[in-house]
């Protein structure tokens, strides 16, 4: 059952929706109990993706075959990661609660965990080259889970 209070599990699940599973197993529940907006888009390498925006709270992104490749949530989501981190936190709170923060591709990675990231909002996603460039009072309202390990290469 889809649950906007469920634990966020790095590289694994969000809202009880599991990465790498097929969206088809969730579609009946999604359309029966939630408001869903579906959009298709094409990546620069011509791969097709479909995004499902659910109740203005979570985003499910799939490959052309329906395999879920990323899950995101915004400040409406109530679940936490490691019982500590949630959407809507200020950067200073995140920095105080974590030992290491790094910026990759406009996202904040904590503790070298490349299965989860905070989205750094505009314009800081473009201008923040180091942690010191992020204002302490910047609110981070979005979390995504996926396999971001390719960013390290």
Protein backbone atom coordinates (compact mmCIF):
# COMPACT_ATOMS: atom_id res chain seq x y z
CA UNK A 1 0.00 0.00 0.00
CA UNK A 2 1.34 3.41 -0.97
CA UNK A 3 2.10 5.38 2.18
CA UNK A 4 3.39 8.97 2.28
CA UNK A 5 4.61 8.34 5.85
CA UNK A 6 6.74 5.30 5.00
CA UNK A 7 10.46 5.27 5.72
CA UNK A 8 12.70 6.46 2.88
CA UNK A 9 15.14 3.65 2.13
CA UNK A 10 18.22 4.68 0.20
CA UNK A 11 18.48 3.01 -3.19
CA UNK A 12 15.48 0.88 -2.32
CA UNK A 13 12.05 2.43 -1.70
CA UNK A 14 9.92 5.43 -0.91
CA UNK A 15 6.20 5.41 -0.01
CA UNK A 16 6.44 1.58 -0.11
CA UNK A 17 7.18 1.79 -3.85
CA UNK A 18 10.27 -0.22 -4.76
CA UNK A 19 12.99 0.86 -7.18
CA UNK A 20 13.53 -1.47 -10.16
CA UNK A 21 10.04 -2.94 -9.79
CA UNK A 22 7.54 -2.32 -12.60
CA UNK A 23 5.10 0.57 -12.22
CA UNK A 24 2.31 -1.69 -13.51
CA UNK A 25 2.01 -3.34 -10.08
CA UNK A 26 1.10 0.05 -8.56
CA UNK A 27 -1.10 1.54 -11.30
CA UNK A 28 -4.45 0.20 -10.07
CA UNK A 29 -3.91 1.60 -6.56
CA UNK A 30 -2.46 4.85 -7.89
CA UNK A 31 -5.41 5.60 -10.13
CA UNK A 32 -8.03 4.39 -7.65
CA UNK A 33 -6.81 6.28 -4.57
CA UNK A 34 -4.65 9.16 -5.81
CA UNK A 35 -4.54 12.04 -8.24
CA UNK A 36 -1.95 11.10 -10.86
CA UNK A 37 -0.48 13.24 -13.62
CA UNK A 38 1.52 11.33 -16.24
CA UNK A 39 4.05 12.87 -18.61
CA UNK A 40 6.48 11.34 -21.06
CA UNK A 41 9.80 12.95 -21.90
CA UNK A 42 12.95 12.14 -23.81
CA UNK A 43 16.48 12.31 -22.39
CA UNK A 44 19.34 13.80 -24.43
CA UNK A 45 20.42 10.26 -25.39
CA UNK A 46 16.87 9.65 -26.78
CA UNK A 47 15.84 7.32 -23.97
CA UNK A 48 12.15 7.66 -23.12
CA UNK A 49 11.06 8.25 -19.53
CA UNK A 50 7.62 8.50 -17.96
CA UNK A 51 7.00 10.53 -14.82
CA UNK A 52 4.01 9.93 -12.56
CA UNK A 53 3.29 12.84 -10.19
CA UNK A 54 1.15 11.50 -7.37
CA UNK A 55 -0.94 13.81 -5.16
CA UNK A 56 1.63 16.58 -5.56
CA UNK A 57 3.81 14.60 -3.13
CA UNK A 58 5.84 11.89 -4.88
CA UNK A 59 7.28 11.36 -8.35
CA UNK A 60 7.76 7.94 -9.89
CA UNK A 61 10.05 7.87 -12.92
CA UNK A 62 10.15 4.86 -15.20
CA UNK A 63 12.06 3.62 -18.19
CA UNK A 64 10.16 2.83 -21.41
CA UNK A 65 9.45 -0.73 -20.18
CA UNK A 66 7.88 0.53 -16.92
CA UNK A 67 10.86 -0.27 -14.67
CA UNK A 68 11.03 2.30 -11.88
CA UNK A 69 14.41 4.06 -12.07
CA UNK A 70 13.89 6.85 -9.54
CA UNK A 71 11.51 7.97 -6.83
CA UNK A 72 11.20 11.46 -5.46
CA UNK A 73 9.27 13.27 -2.77
CA UNK A 74 8.69 16.85 -1.74
CA UNK A 75 7.86 18.70 1.47
CA UNK A 76 4.39 17.09 1.58
CA UNK A 77 5.99 13.70 2.28
CA UNK A 78 6.14 12.80 5.98
CA UNK A 79 8.46 9.78 6.01
CA UNK A 80 12.12 10.06 7.00
CA UNK A 81 15.47 8.66 5.96
CA UNK A 82 17.43 7.04 8.82
CA UNK A 83 14.71 8.33 11.19
CA UNK A 84 16.41 11.72 10.97
CA UNK A 85 16.43 13.29 7.51
CA UNK A 86 13.27 14.54 5.83
CA UNK A 87 12.19 16.97 3.18
CA UNK A 88 11.83 20.59 4.22
CA UNK A 89 14.94 20.67 6.40
CA UNK A 90 17.30 23.64 6.37
CA UNK A 91 20.82 22.99 5.16
CA UNK A 92 22.30 23.84 8.58
CA UNK A 93 20.12 21.11 10.17
CA UNK A 94 21.30 18.54 7.65
CA UNK A 95 24.93 19.61 8.12
CA UNK A 96 24.64 19.32 11.92
CA UNK A 97 23.14 15.82 11.68
CA UNK A 98 25.57 14.40 9.11
CA UNK A 99 29.33 14.00 9.08
CA UNK A 100 29.96 14.52 5.37
CA UNK A 101 28.10 16.36 2.62
CA UNK A 102 29.09 16.56 -1.05
CA UNK A 103 27.60 18.28 -4.08
CA UNK A 104 27.09 16.38 -7.34
CA UNK A 105 24.99 17.50 -10.30
CA UNK A 106 22.96 20.03 -8.33
CA UNK A 107 22.28 17.53 -5.58
CA UNK A 108 23.49 17.01 -2.03
CA UNK A 109 24.85 13.57 -1.13
CA UNK A 110 25.24 12.66 2.55
CA UNK A 111 27.75 10.24 4.06
CA UNK A 112 28.83 8.95 0.60
CA UNK A 113 25.39 7.32 0.18
CA UNK A 114 24.78 7.40 -3.57
CA UNK A 115 21.32 5.86 -3.29
CA UNK A 116 19.69 9.07 -2.07
CA UNK A 117 20.08 12.79 -2.70
CA UNK A 118 18.61 16.12 -1.72
CA UNK A 119 17.86 18.41 -4.67
CA UNK A 120 19.57 21.77 -4.28
CA UNK A 121 17.05 24.42 -5.43
CA UNK A 122 17.75 27.06 -8.05
CA UNK A 123 19.88 29.13 -8.35
CA UNK A 124 22.17 27.32 -5.91
CA UNK A 125 22.09 24.13 -7.99
CA UNK A 126 24.06 26.05 -10.63
CA UNK A 127 26.35 28.18 -8.48
CA UNK A 128 27.20 25.95 -5.51
CA UNK A 129 30.53 24.30 -6.21
CA UNK A 130 31.29 23.49 -2.60
CA UNK A 131 29.37 23.01 0.61
CA UNK A 132 30.41 26.49 1.74
CA UNK A 133 28.40 27.94 -1.19
CA UNK A 134 25.10 26.65 0.23
CA UNK A 135 23.38 29.12 2.57
CA UNK A 136 22.73 27.70 6.05
CA UNK A 137 19.08 28.78 5.88
CA UNK A 138 18.41 27.15 2.49
CA UNK A 139 15.43 24.80 2.77
CA UNK A 140 15.82 21.50 0.92
CA UNK A 141 12.34 20.38 -0.08
CA UNK A 142 13.02 17.42 -2.38
CA UNK A 143 14.64 14.02 -1.93
CA UNK A 144 15.24 11.47 -4.69
CA UNK A 145 16.31 7.87 -4.46
CA UNK A 146 17.97 6.03 -7.31
CA UNK A 147 21.40 4.69 -8.18
CA UNK A 148 23.56 7.81 -8.33
CA UNK A 149 26.85 5.87 -8.11
CA UNK A 150 27.80 6.83 -11.69
CA UNK A 151 28.32 10.39 -10.41
CA UNK A 152 31.48 9.28 -8.62
CA UNK A 153 33.31 8.24 -11.82
